PDB file of N, CA and C in Angstrom:
ATOM      1  N   MET A   1     105.201  99.346  78.084  1.00  0.00           N
ATOM      2  CA  MET A   1     104.303  99.325  79.339  1.00  0.00           C
ATOM      3  C   MET A   1     103.481 100.486  79.279  1.00  0.00           C
ATOM      4  N   ASP A   2     102.246 100.176  79.728  1.00  0.00           N
ATOM      5  CA  ASP A   2     101.269 101.487  80.070  1.00  0.00           C
ATOM      6  C   ASP A   2     101.356 101.549  81.531  1.00  0.00           C
ATOM      7  N   LEU A   3     100.867 103.043  81.686  1.00  0.00           N
ATOM      8  CA  LEU A   3     101.088 103.530  83.097  1.00  0.00           C
ATOM      9  C   LEU A   3     100.492 102.613  84.240  1.00  0.00           C
ATOM     10  N   GLN A   4      99.251 101.925  83.785  1.00  0.00           N
ATOM     11  CA  GLN A   4      98.993 101.042  84.909  1.00  0.00           C
ATOM     12  C   GLN A   4      99.733  99.874  85.166  1.00  0.00           C
ATOM     13  N   ALA A   5     100.249  99.163  84.060  1.00  0.00           N
ATOM     14  CA  ALA A   5     101.317  98.211  84.252  1.00  0.00           C
ATOM     15  C   ALA A   5     102.363  98.432  84.749  1.00  0.00           C
ATOM     16  N   ILE A   6     102.911  99.591  84.624  1.00  0.00           N
ATOM     17  CA  ILE A   6     104.364 100.283  85.377  1.00  0.00           C
ATOM     18  C   ILE A   6     103.787 100.564  86.751  1.00  0.00           C
ATOM     19  N   ALA A   7     102.901 101.341  87.198  1.00  0.00           N
ATOM     20  CA  ALA A   7     102.423 101.276  88.694  1.00  0.00           C
ATOM     21  C   ALA A   7     101.998  99.916  89.346  1.00  0.00           C
ATOM     22  N   ASP A   8     101.582  99.009  88.891  1.00  0.00           N
ATOM     23  CA  ASP A   8     101.128  97.490  89.247  1.00  0.00           C
ATOM     24  C   ASP A   8     102.745  96.914  89.583  1.00  0.00           C
ATOM     25  N   GLU A   9     103.281  96.939  88.595  1.00  0.00           N
ATOM     26  CA  GLU A   9     104.869  96.309  88.887  1.00  0.00           C
ATOM     27  C   GLU A   9     105.701  96.950  89.885  1.00  0.00           C
ATOM     28  N   LEU A  10     105.623  98.241  90.018  1.00  0.00           N
ATOM     29  CA  LEU A  10     106.189  98.826  91.004  1.00  0.00           C
ATOM     30  C   LEU A  10     105.558  98.699  92.411  1.00  0.00           C
ATOM     31  N   MET A  11     104.215  98.487  92.644  1.00  0.00           N
ATOM     32  CA  MET A  11     103.689  98.141  93.807  1.00  0.00           C
ATOM     33  C   MET A  11     104.145  97.012  94.239  1.00  0.00           C
ATOM     34  N   GLU A  12     103.983  95.796  93.053  1.00  0.00           N
ATOM     35  CA  GLU A  12     104.467  94.360  93.490  1.00  0.00           C
ATOM     36  C   GLU A  12     105.943  94.543  93.943  1.00  0.00           C
ATOM     37  N   GLY A  13     106.927  95.214  93.510  1.00  0.00           N
ATOM     38  CA  GLY A  13     108.185  95.360  93.996  1.00  0.00           C
ATOM     39  C   GLY A  13     108.336  96.053  95.549  1.00  0.00           C
ATOM     40  N   MET A  14     107.564  96.970  95.749  1.00  0.00           N
ATOM     41  CA  MET A  14     107.500  97.572  97.026  1.00  0.00           C
ATOM     42  C   MET A  14     107.139  96.505  97.944  1.00  0.00           C
ATOM     43  N   LYS A  15     105.853  95.911  97.755  1.00  0.00           N
ATOM     44  CA  LYS A  15     105.315  94.703  98.467  1.00  0.00           C
ATOM     45  C   LYS A  15     106.225  93.620  98.837  1.00  0.00           C
ATOM     46  N   THR A  16     107.188  93.309  98.162  1.00  0.00           N
ATOM     47  CA  THR A  16     107.824  92.078  98.133  1.00  0.00           C
ATOM     48  C   THR A  16     109.350  92.566  98.475  1.00  0.00           C
ATOM     49  N   GLY A  17     109.678  93.789  98.601  1.00  0.00           N
ATOM     50  CA  GLY A  17     111.014  94.152  98.921  1.00  0.00           C
ATOM     51  C   GLY A  17     111.978  94.236  97.555  1.00  0.00           C
ATOM     52  N   GLN A  18     111.416  94.287  96.522  1.00  0.00           N
ATOM     53  CA  GLN A  18     112.205  94.085  95.228  1.00  0.00           C
ATOM     54  C   GLN A  18     111.992  95.122  94.248  1.00  0.00           C
ATOM     55  N   GLU A  19     111.661  96.380  94.937  1.00  0.00           N
ATOM     56  CA  GLU A  19     111.585  97.523  94.250  1.00  0.00           C
ATOM     57  C   GLU A  19     113.034  97.780  93.323  1.00  0.00           C
ATOM     58  N   GLY A  20     114.234  97.941  94.157  1.00  0.00           N
ATOM     59  CA  GLY A  20     115.242  98.076  93.517  1.00  0.00           C
ATOM     60  C   GLY A  20     115.780  97.195  92.346  1.00  0.00           C
ATOM     61  N   ALA A  21     115.302  96.039  92.385  1.00  0.00           N
ATOM     62  CA  ALA A  21     115.367  95.122  91.434  1.00  0.00           C
ATOM     63  C   ALA A  21     114.676  95.295  89.959  1.00  0.00           C
ATOM     64  N   LYS A  22     113.698  96.230  90.058  1.00  0.00           N
ATOM     65  CA  LYS A  22     112.976  96.579  89.065  1.00  0.00           C
ATOM     66  C   LYS A  22     113.465  97.878  88.328  1.00  0.00           C
ATOM     67  N   LEU A  23     114.400  98.645  88.890  1.00  0.00           N
ATOM     68  CA  LEU A  23     114.781  99.968  88.494  1.00  0.00           C
ATOM     69  C   LEU A  23     114.981  99.649  86.936  1.00  0.00           C
ATOM     70  N   GLU A  24     115.803  98.800  86.439  1.00  0.00           N
ATOM     71  CA  GLU A  24     116.220  98.691  84.898  1.00  0.00           C
ATOM     72  C   GLU A  24     114.954  98.599  84.193  1.00  0.00           C
ATOM     73  N   THR A  25     113.762  97.760  84.451  1.00  0.00           N
ATOM     74  CA  THR A  25     112.841  97.508  83.410  1.00  0.00           C
ATOM     75  C   THR A  25     111.810  98.909  83.659  1.00  0.00           C
ATOM     76  N   LEU A  26     111.854  99.609  84.963  1.00  0.00           N
ATOM     77  CA  LEU A  26     110.500 100.415  85.001  1.00  0.00           C
ATOM     78  C   LEU A  26     111.116 101.879  85.001  1.00  0.00           C
ATOM     79  N   TYR A  27     112.538 102.253  84.896  1.00  0.00           N
ATOM     80  CA  TYR A  27     112.878 103.543  85.129  1.00  0.00           C
ATOM     81  C   TYR A  27     113.618 103.881  83.779  1.00  0.00           C
ATOM     82  N   ALA A  28     113.407 105.045  83.404  1.00  0.00           N
ATOM     83  CA  ALA A  28     114.217 105.622  82.230  1.00  0.00           C
ATOM     84  C   ALA A  28     115.693 105.877  82.806  1.00  0.00           C
ATOM     85  N   PRO A  29     116.723 105.737  81.955  1.00  0.00           N
ATOM     86  CA  PRO A  29     118.090 105.993  82.431  1.00  0.00           C
ATOM     87  C   PRO A  29     118.474 107.024  82.816  1.00  0.00           C
ATOM     88  N   ASP A  30     117.547 108.207  82.501  1.00  0.00           N
ATOM     89  CA  ASP A  30     117.931 109.438  83.185  1.00  0.00           C
ATOM     90  C   ASP A  30     116.794 109.967  84.107  1.00  0.00           C
ATOM     91  N   ALA A  31     116.046 109.051  84.651  1.00  0.00           N
ATOM     92  CA  ALA A  31     115.171 109.263  85.642  1.00  0.00           C
ATOM     93  C   ALA A  31     115.602 110.184  86.507  1.00  0.00           C
ATOM     94  N   VAL A  32     114.705 111.094  87.279  1.00  0.00           N
ATOM     95  CA  VAL A  32     115.196 112.010  88.358  1.00  0.00           C
ATOM     96  C   VAL A  32     114.351 111.600  89.634  1.00  0.00           C
ATOM     97  N   SER A  33     114.906 111.646  90.685  1.00  0.00           N
ATOM     98  CA  SER A  33     114.426 111.337  92.136  1.00  0.00           C
ATOM     99  C   SER A  33     114.381 112.580  92.908  1.00  0.00           C
ATOM    100  N   VAL A  34     113.491 113.059  93.608  1.00  0.00           N
ATOM    101  CA  VAL A  34     113.295 114.166  94.267  1.00  0.00           C
ATOM    102  C   VAL A  34     112.924 113.920  95.595  1.00  0.00           C
ATOM    103  N   GLU A  35     113.773 114.085  96.786  1.00  0.00           N
ATOM    104  CA  GLU A  35     113.217 113.908  98.095  1.00  0.00           C
ATOM    105  C   GLU A  35     112.855 115.197  98.596  1.00  0.00           C
ATOM    106  N   ALA A  36     111.738 115.075  99.808  1.00  0.00           N
ATOM    107  CA  ALA A  36     111.430 116.401 100.406  1.00  0.00           C
ATOM    108  C   ALA A  36     112.622 117.009 101.272  1.00  0.00           C
ATOM    109  N   LEU A  37     113.185 115.959 101.759  1.00  0.00           N
ATOM    110  CA  LEU A  37     114.360 116.701 102.501  1.00  0.00           C
ATOM    111  C   LEU A  37     115.778 116.523 102.000  1.00  0.00           C
ATOM    112  N   ASP A  38     116.807 117.104 102.256  1.00  0.00           N
ATOM    113  CA  ASP A  38     118.152 116.920 101.914  1.00  0.00           C
ATOM    114  C   ASP A  38     118.770 115.952 103.081  1.00  0.00           C
ATOM    115  N   PHE A  39     119.151 114.769 102.672  1.00  0.00           N
ATOM    116  CA  PHE A  39     119.784 113.967 103.636  1.00  0.00           C
ATOM    117  C   PHE A  39     121.340 113.948 103.598  1.00  0.00           C
ATOM    118  N   GLY A  40     121.804 114.955 103.117  1.00  0.00           N
ATOM    119  CA  GLY A  40     123.215 115.316 102.867  1.00  0.00           C
ATOM    120  C   GLY A  40     123.840 115.112 101.280  1.00  0.00           C
ATOM    121  N   GLN A  41     123.311 114.998 100.601  1.00  0.00           N
ATOM    122  CA  GLN A  41     123.432 114.704  99.081  1.00  0.00           C
ATOM    123  C   GLN A  41     122.772 115.530  98.185  1.00  0.00           C
ATOM    124  N   GLY A  42     121.888 116.483  98.847  1.00  0.00           N
ATOM    125  CA  GLY A  42     121.175 117.375  97.878  1.00  0.00           C
ATOM    126  C   GLY A  42     119.682 116.654  97.969  1.00  0.00           C
ATOM    127  N   ARG A  43     118.724 117.388  97.531  1.00  0.00           N
ATOM    128  CA  ARG A  43     117.469 116.538  97.440  1.00  0.00           C
ATOM    129  C   ARG A  43     117.057 115.837  96.162  1.00  0.00           C
ATOM    130  N   GLU A  44     117.739 116.194  94.960  1.00  0.00           N
ATOM    131  CA  GLU A  44     117.686 115.739  93.546  1.00  0.00           C
ATOM    132  C   GLU A  44     118.689 114.896  93.100  1.00  0.00           C
ATOM    133  N   THR A  45     118.364 113.707  92.846  1.00  0.00           N
ATOM    134  CA  THR A  45     119.246 112.604  92.176  1.00  0.00           C
ATOM    135  C   THR A  45     118.996 112.407  90.839  1.00  0.00           C
ATOM    136  N   LYS A  46     120.014 112.479  89.759  1.00  0.00           N
ATOM    137  CA  LYS A  46     119.499 112.429  88.482  1.00  0.00           C
ATOM    138  C   LYS A  46     120.410 110.818  88.135  1.00  0.00           C
ATOM    139  N   GLY A  47     119.626 110.200  87.387  1.00  0.00           N
ATOM    140  CA  GLY A  47     120.003 108.888  86.500  1.00  0.00           C
ATOM    141  C   GLY A  47     119.719 107.541  87.424  1.00  0.00           C
ATOM    142  N   ILE A  48     119.737 106.463  86.652  1.00  0.00           N
ATOM    143  CA  ILE A  48     119.166 105.444  87.327  1.00  0.00           C
ATOM    144  C   ILE A  48     120.269 105.033  88.244  1.00  0.00           C
ATOM    145  N   GLU A  49     121.540 104.998  87.865  1.00  0.00           N
ATOM    146  CA  GLU A  49     122.400 104.864  88.818  1.00  0.00           C
ATOM    147  C   GLU A  49     122.617 105.572  90.176  1.00  0.00           C
ATOM    148  N   GLY A  50     122.057 106.851  89.988  1.00  0.00           N
ATOM    149  CA  GLY A  50     122.084 107.509  91.333  1.00  0.00           C
ATOM    150  C   GLY A  50     120.883 107.078  92.223  1.00  0.00           C
ATOM    151  N   ILE A  51     119.837 106.640  91.671  1.00  0.00           N
ATOM    152  CA  ILE A  51     118.738 106.097  92.145  1.00  0.00           C
ATOM    153  C   ILE A  51     118.899 104.973  92.873  1.00  0.00           C
ATOM    154  N   ARG A  52     119.783 103.936  91.866  1.00  0.00           N
ATOM    155  CA  ARG A  52     120.296 102.591  92.528  1.00  0.00           C
ATOM    156  C   ARG A  52     120.975 103.024  93.764  1.00  0.00           C
ATOM    157  N   GLY A  53     121.819 104.004  93.874  1.00  0.00           N
ATOM    158  CA  GLY A  53     122.692 103.979  95.107  1.00  0.00           C
ATOM    159  C   GLY A  53     121.865 104.704  96.016  1.00  0.00           C
ATOM    160  N   LYS A  54     120.774 105.175  95.907  1.00  0.00           N
ATOM    161  CA  LYS A  54     119.793 105.649  96.880  1.00  0.00           C
ATOM    162  C   LYS A  54     119.124 104.358  97.662  1.00  0.00           C
ATOM    163  N   HIS A  55     118.809 103.376  96.766  1.00  0.00           N
ATOM    164  CA  HIS A  55     118.021 102.192  97.298  1.00  0.00           C
ATOM    165  C   HIS A  55     119.186 101.325  97.905  1.00  0.00           C
ATOM    166  N   ALA A  56     120.307 101.408  97.729  1.00  0.00           N
ATOM    167  CA  ALA A  56     121.460 100.724  98.492  1.00  0.00           C
ATOM    168  C   ALA A  56     121.928 101.427  99.614  1.00  0.00           C
ATOM    169  N   TRP A  57     121.601 102.783  99.840  1.00  0.00           N
ATOM    170  CA  TRP A  57     121.674 103.379 101.130  1.00  0.00           C
ATOM    171  C   TRP A  57     120.403 102.944 101.857  1.00  0.00           C
ATOM    172  N   TRP A  58     119.330 103.193 101.584  1.00  0.00           N
ATOM    173  CA  TRP A  58     118.259 102.878 102.289  1.00  0.00           C
ATOM    174  C   TRP A  58     118.156 101.162 102.809  1.00  0.00           C
ATOM    175  N   ASP A  59     118.707 100.372 102.042  1.00  0.00           N
ATOM    176  CA  ASP A  59     118.888  98.969 102.420  1.00  0.00           C
ATOM    177  C   ASP A  59     119.683  98.709 103.471  1.00  0.00           C
ATOM    178  N   SER A  60     121.074  99.396 103.420  1.00  0.00           N
ATOM    179  CA  SER A  60     122.252  99.288 104.555  1.00  0.00           C
ATOM    180  C   SER A  60     121.763 100.055 105.685  1.00  0.00           C
ATOM    181  N   THR A  61     120.882 100.892 105.529  1.00  0.00           N
ATOM    182  CA  THR A  61     120.637 101.860 106.878  1.00  0.00           C
ATOM    183  C   THR A  61     119.315 101.367 107.647  1.00  0.00           C
ATOM    184  N   PHE A  62     118.299 100.936 106.969  1.00  0.00           N
ATOM    185  CA  PHE A  62     117.184 100.918 107.599  1.00  0.00           C
ATOM    186  C   PHE A  62     116.555  99.337 107.575  1.00  0.00           C
ATOM    187  N   GLU A  63     115.926  99.051 108.463  1.00  0.00           N
ATOM    188  CA  GLU A  63     115.156  97.499 108.558  1.00  0.00           C
ATOM    189  C   GLU A  63     113.712  97.897 108.221  1.00  0.00           C
ATOM    190  N   VAL A  64     112.899  97.264 107.685  1.00  0.00           N
ATOM    191  CA  VAL A  64     111.627  97.625 107.413  1.00  0.00           C
ATOM    192  C   VAL A  64     110.944  96.649 108.168  1.00  0.00           C
ATOM    193  N   LEU A  65     110.092  97.025 109.307  1.00  0.00           N
ATOM    194  CA  LEU A  65     109.646  96.253 110.409  1.00  0.00           C
ATOM    195  C   LEU A  65     108.157  96.118 110.030  1.00  0.00           C
ATOM    196  N   GLU A  66     107.386  96.989 109.422  1.00  0.00           N
ATOM    197  CA  GLU A  66     105.910  97.076 108.968  1.00  0.00           C
ATOM    198  C   GLU A  66     105.945  97.870 107.809  1.00  0.00           C
ATOM    199  N   ALA A  67     104.949  97.379 106.820  1.00  0.00           N
ATOM    200  CA  ALA A  67     104.699  98.711 105.852  1.00  0.00           C
ATOM    201  C   ALA A  67     103.133  98.103 105.475  1.00  0.00           C
ATOM    202  N   ASP A  68     102.725  99.446 105.039  1.00  0.00           N
ATOM    203  CA  ASP A  68     101.421  99.283 104.339  1.00  0.00           C
ATOM    204  C   ASP A  68     101.491 100.223 103.062  1.00  0.00           C
ATOM    205  N   TYR A  69     101.307  99.615 101.925  1.00  0.00           N
ATOM    206  CA  TYR A  69     101.458 100.200 100.710  1.00  0.00           C
ATOM    207  C   TYR A  69     100.120 100.490  99.929  1.00  0.00           C
ATOM    208  N   ARG A  70      99.721 101.688  99.654  1.00  0.00           N
ATOM    209  CA  ARG A  70      98.214 101.706  99.184  1.00  0.00           C
ATOM    210  C   ARG A  70      98.520 102.540  97.755  1.00  0.00           C
ATOM    211  N   GLY A  71      97.485 102.056  96.797  1.00  0.00           N
ATOM    212  CA  GLY A  71      97.564 102.481  95.623  1.00  0.00           C
ATOM    213  C   GLY A  71      97.769 101.336  94.738  1.00  0.00           C
ATOM    214  N   PRO A  72      98.055 101.713  93.343  1.00  0.00           N
ATOM    215  CA  PRO A  72      98.443 103.058  92.887  1.00  0.00           C
ATOM    216  C   PRO A  72      97.243 103.764  92.395  1.00  0.00           C
ATOM    217  N   PHE A  73      97.452 105.082  92.556  1.00  0.00           N
ATOM    218  CA  PHE A  73      96.480 106.347  92.341  1.00  0.00           C
ATOM    219  C   PHE A  73      96.788 106.912  91.240  1.00  0.00           C
ATOM    220  N   PRO A  74      96.329 106.478  90.020  1.00  0.00           N
ATOM    221  CA  PRO A  74      96.689 107.112  88.714  1.00  0.00           C
ATOM    222  C   PRO A  74      95.931 108.510  88.696  1.00  0.00           C
ATOM    223  N   ASN A  75      96.666 109.678  87.866  1.00  0.00           N
ATOM    224  CA  ASN A  75      96.238 110.851  87.426  1.00  0.00           C
ATOM    225  C   ASN A  75      96.573 111.002  86.175  1.00  0.00           C
ATOM    226  N   GLY A  76      95.478 111.042  85.378  1.00  0.00           N
ATOM    227  CA  GLY A  76      95.606 111.289  83.793  1.00  0.00           C
ATOM    228  C   GLY A  76      96.607 110.039  83.190  1.00  0.00           C
ATOM    229  N   PRO A  77      97.157 110.377  81.892  1.00  0.00           N
ATOM    230  CA  PRO A  77      97.910 109.356  81.365  1.00  0.00           C
ATOM    231  C   PRO A  77      99.096 109.235  81.675  1.00  0.00           C
ATOM    232  N   ASP A  78      99.663 110.212  82.381  1.00  0.00           N
ATOM    233  CA  ASP A  78     101.441 109.772  82.729  1.00  0.00           C
ATOM    234  C   ASP A  78     101.832 110.094  84.153  1.00  0.00           C
ATOM    235  N   ARG A  79     100.893 110.002  85.305  1.00  0.00           N
ATOM    236  CA  ARG A  79     101.177 110.016  86.656  1.00  0.00           C
ATOM    237  C   ARG A  79     100.509 109.268  87.440  1.00  0.00           C
ATOM    238  N   PHE A  80     100.974 108.714  88.589  1.00  0.00           N
ATOM    239  CA  PHE A  80     100.398 107.880  89.601  1.00  0.00           C
ATOM    240  C   PHE A  80     100.864 108.087  90.860  1.00  0.00           C
ATOM    241  N   ALA A  81     100.219 108.011  92.007  1.00  0.00           N
ATOM    242  CA  ALA A  81     100.811 108.128  93.361  1.00  0.00           C
ATOM    243  C   ALA A  81     100.636 106.985  94.374  1.00  0.00           C
ATOM    244  N   VAL A  82     101.567 106.749  95.210  1.00  0.00           N
ATOM    245  CA  VAL A  82     101.354 105.561  96.270  1.00  0.00           C
ATOM    246  C   VAL A  82     101.380 106.089  97.429  1.00  0.00           C
ATOM    247  N   TYR A  83     100.784 105.663  98.452  1.00  0.00           N
ATOM    248  CA  TYR A  83     100.822 106.046  99.769  1.00  0.00           C
ATOM    249  C   TYR A  83     101.510 104.682 100.509  1.00  0.00           C
ATOM    250  N   LEU A  84     102.560 105.221 101.209  1.00  0.00           N
ATOM    251  CA  LEU A  84     103.336 104.274 102.192  1.00  0.00           C
ATOM    252  C   LEU A  84     103.291 104.743 103.534  1.00  0.00           C
ATOM    253  N   GLN A  85     103.109 103.613 104.377  1.00  0.00           N
ATOM    254  CA  GLN A  85     103.142 104.010 105.804  1.00  0.00           C
ATOM    255  C   GLN A  85     104.011 102.884 106.392  1.00  0.00           C
ATOM    256  N   ILE A  86     105.325 103.336 107.095  1.00  0.00           N
ATOM    257  CA  ILE A  86     106.262 102.301 107.525  1.00  0.00           C
ATOM    258  C   ILE A  86     106.819 102.418 108.733  1.00  0.00           C
ATOM    259  N   LYS A  87     107.199 101.281 109.418  1.00  0.00           N
ATOM    260  CA  LYS A  87     107.841 101.262 110.501  1.00  0.00           C
ATOM    261  C   LYS A  87     109.188 100.731 110.295  1.00  0.00           C
ATOM    262  N   THR A  88     110.367 101.557 110.618  1.00  0.00           N
ATOM    263  CA  THR A  88     111.403 101.044 110.533  1.00  0.00           C
ATOM    264  C   THR A  88     112.675 100.866 111.760  1.00  0.00           C
ATOM    265  N   ARG A  89     113.618 100.261 111.515  1.00  0.00           N
ATOM    266  CA  ARG A  89     114.787 100.300 112.692  1.00  0.00           C
ATOM    267  C   ARG A  89     115.939 100.822 111.962  1.00  0.00           C
ATOM    268  N   ASN A  90     116.541 101.932 112.317  1.00  0.00           N
ATOM    269  CA  ASN A  90     117.932 102.186 111.776  1.00  0.00           C
ATOM    270  C   ASN A  90     118.790 101.389 112.414  1.00  0.00           C
ATOM    271  N   LYS A  91     119.473 100.544 111.633  1.00  0.00           N
ATOM    272  CA  LYS A  91     120.513  99.403 111.707  1.00  0.00           C
ATOM    273  C   LYS A  91     121.689 100.141 112.468  1.00  0.00           C
ATOM    274  N   GLN A  92     122.109 101.243 112.414  1.00  0.00           N
ATOM    275  CA  GLN A  92     123.245 101.907 113.314  1.00  0.00           C
ATOM    276  C   GLN A  92     122.750 102.001 114.585  1.00  0.00           C
ATOM    277  N   THR A  93     121.651 102.587 114.816  1.00  0.00           N
ATOM    278  CA  THR A  93     121.105 103.126 116.243  1.00  0.00           C
ATOM    279  C   THR A  93     120.336 102.440 116.763  1.00  0.00           C
ATOM    280  N   ASP A  94     119.499 101.496 116.217  1.00  0.00           N
ATOM    281  CA  ASP A  94     118.475 100.694 116.600  1.00  0.00           C
ATOM    282  C   ASP A  94     117.209 101.372 116.971  1.00  0.00           C
ATOM    283  N   ALA A  95     117.017 102.882 116.421  1.00  0.00           N
ATOM    284  CA  ALA A  95     115.978 103.544 116.755  1.00  0.00           C
ATOM    285  C   ALA A  95     114.947 103.097 115.825  1.00  0.00           C
ATOM    286  N   VAL A  96     113.807 103.009 116.301  1.00  0.00           N
ATOM    287  CA  VAL A  96     112.455 102.549 115.626  1.00  0.00           C
ATOM    288  C   VAL A  96     111.661 104.072 115.342  1.00  0.00           C
ATOM    289  N   GLU A  97     111.309 104.152 114.070  1.00  0.00           N
ATOM    290  CA  GLU A  97     110.575 105.337 113.474  1.00  0.00           C
ATOM    291  C   GLU A  97     109.215 104.655 112.573  1.00  0.00           C
ATOM    292  N   GLU A  98     108.378 105.600 112.608  1.00  0.00           N
ATOM    293  CA  GLU A  98     107.197 105.200 111.866  1.00  0.00           C
ATOM    294  C   GLU A  98     106.843 106.480 111.103  1.00  0.00           C
ATOM    295  N   MET A  99     106.841 106.435 110.016  1.00  0.00           N
ATOM    296  CA  MET A  99     106.502 107.501 108.875  1.00  0.00           C
ATOM    297  C   MET A  99     105.583 107.069 107.742  1.00  0.00           C
ATOM    298  N   SER A 100     105.248 108.312 107.230  1.00  0.00           N
ATOM    299  CA  SER A 100     104.062 107.879 106.245  1.00  0.00           C
ATOM    300  C   SER A 100     104.761 109.074 105.037  1.00  0.00           C
ATOM    301  N   GLU A 101     104.368 108.643 103.731  1.00  0.00           N
ATOM    302  CA  GLU A 101     104.866 109.190 102.848  1.00  0.00           C
ATOM    303  C   GLU A 101     103.830 109.070 101.408  1.00  0.00           C
ATOM    304  N   VAL A 102     104.117 110.002 100.497  1.00  0.00           N
ATOM    305  CA  VAL A 102     103.274 110.037  99.355  1.00  0.00           C
ATOM    306  C   VAL A 102     104.246 109.864  98.293  1.00  0.00           C
ATOM    307  N   ALA A 103     104.247 108.997  97.234  1.00  0.00           N
ATOM    308  CA  ALA A 103     105.331 109.031  96.293  1.00  0.00           C
ATOM    309  C   ALA A 103     104.582 109.267  94.842  1.00  0.00           C
ATOM    310  N   LEU A 104     105.001 110.314  94.206  1.00  0.00           N
ATOM    311  CA  LEU A 104     104.461 110.624  93.018  1.00  0.00           C
ATOM    312  C   LEU A 104     105.308 110.240  91.775  1.00  0.00           C
ATOM    313  N   TYR A 105     104.764 109.717  90.769  1.00  0.00           N
ATOM    314  CA  TYR A 105     105.567 109.027  89.952  1.00  0.00           C
ATOM    315  C   TYR A 105     105.033 109.401  88.527  1.00  0.00           C
ATOM    316  N   THR A 106     106.038 110.033  87.595  1.00  0.00           N
ATOM    317  CA  THR A 106     105.589 110.562  86.104  1.00  0.00           C
ATOM    318  C   THR A 106     106.311 109.458  85.176  1.00  0.00           C
ATOM    319  N   VAL A 107     105.297 109.231  84.080  1.00  0.00           N
ATOM    320  CA  VAL A 107     105.885 108.291  83.288  1.00  0.00           C
ATOM    321  C   VAL A 107     105.665 108.821  81.974  1.00  0.00           C
ATOM    322  N   ALA A 108     106.955 108.594  80.977  1.00  0.00           N
ATOM    323  CA  ALA A 108     107.000 109.008  79.628  1.00  0.00           C
ATOM    324  C   ALA A 108     107.392 107.970  79.060  1.00  0.00           C
ATOM    325  N   ASP A 109     107.076 107.757  77.542  1.00  0.00           N
ATOM    326  CA  ASP A 109     107.568 106.548  76.803  1.00  0.00           C
ATOM    327  C   ASP A 109     107.837 105.036  77.347  1.00  0.00           C
ATOM    328  N   GLY A 110     106.714 104.735  78.300  1.00  0.00           N
ATOM    329  CA  GLY A 110     106.637 103.423  79.051  1.00  0.00           C
ATOM    330  C   GLY A 110     107.609 103.493  80.120  1.00  0.00           C
ATOM    331  N   LYS A 111     108.388 104.396  80.575  1.00  0.00           N
ATOM    332  CA  LYS A 111     109.382 104.515  81.667  1.00  0.00           C
ATOM    333  C   LYS A 111     108.992 105.459  82.961  1.00  0.00           C
ATOM    334  N   ILE A 112     109.271 105.133  84.095  1.00  0.00           N
ATOM    335  CA  ILE A 112     109.307 106.205  85.124  1.00  0.00           C
ATOM    336  C   ILE A 112     110.442 107.238  84.899  1.00  0.00           C
ATOM    337  N   VAL A 113     110.203 108.336  84.745  1.00  0.00           N
ATOM    338  CA  VAL A 113     111.096 109.540  84.516  1.00  0.00           C
ATOM    339  C   VAL A 113     111.340 110.287  85.709  1.00  0.00           C
ATOM    340  N   ARG A 114     110.179 110.443  86.651  1.00  0.00           N
ATOM    341  CA  ARG A 114     110.390 111.344  87.749  1.00  0.00           C
ATOM    342  C   ARG A 114     109.619 110.673  88.690  1.00  0.00           C
ATOM    343  N   GLU A 115     110.346 110.709  90.098  1.00  0.00           N
ATOM    344  CA  GLU A 115     109.609 110.447  91.246  1.00  0.00           C
ATOM    345  C   GLU A 115     109.929 111.320  92.459  1.00  0.00           C
ATOM    346  N   GLU A 116     108.848 111.736  93.105  1.00  0.00           N
ATOM    347  CA  GLU A 116     108.729 112.538  94.098  1.00  0.00           C
ATOM    348  C   GLU A 116     108.228 111.969  95.302  1.00  0.00           C
ATOM    349  N   PHE A 117     108.786 112.411  96.544  1.00  0.00           N
ATOM    350  CA  PHE A 117     108.540 112.140  97.845  1.00  0.00           C
ATOM    351  C   PHE A 117     107.957 113.125  98.419  1.00  0.00           C
ATOM    352  N   PHE A 118     106.911 112.959  99.348  1.00  0.00           N
ATOM    353  CA  PHE A 118     106.355 114.124 100.105  1.00  0.00           C
ATOM    354  C   PHE A 118     105.919 113.074 101.481  1.00  0.00           C
ATOM    355  N   TYR A 119     106.650 113.784 102.696  1.00  0.00           N
ATOM    356  CA  TYR A 119     106.642 113.182 104.017  1.00  0.00           C
ATOM    357  C   TYR A 119     105.493 113.793 104.981  1.00  0.00           C
ATOM    358  N   GLY A 120     105.010 112.826 105.610  1.00  0.00           N
ATOM    359  CA  GLY A 120     103.873 113.320 106.566  1.00  0.00           C
ATOM    360  C   GLY A 120     104.464 113.150 108.078  1.00  0.00           C
ATOM    361  N   SER A 121     103.591 113.193 108.986  1.00  0.00           N
ATOM    362  CA  SER A 121     104.005 112.860 110.451  1.00  0.00           C
ATOM    363  C   SER A 121     103.126 111.902 110.948  1.00  0.00           C
TER     364      SER A 121
END
């Protein structure tokens, strides 16, 4: 897959809630995910299984009430960004929060090899 096809496929997964199901086809086995904050297990997760675990944690912790996904925004032959604005409900506390973030993806050899998340207010 080329960069645009990967970006489009990932965006489709985000919009349909199937991003986790696309990990095998879109991500390299040794992909790295970097969060802006440490949620208790470090900022960096290495490997597709670790990234799968992050998706499972998110799905078990939050319900997405509203979402606006914009992009992808390509940058050169190997990167693209996505803008997300979401409203969530914490399944344990019922707290409702709104957040915005930019996700930056790096692609090599037809797979996502790195994702980085930047949070806004």
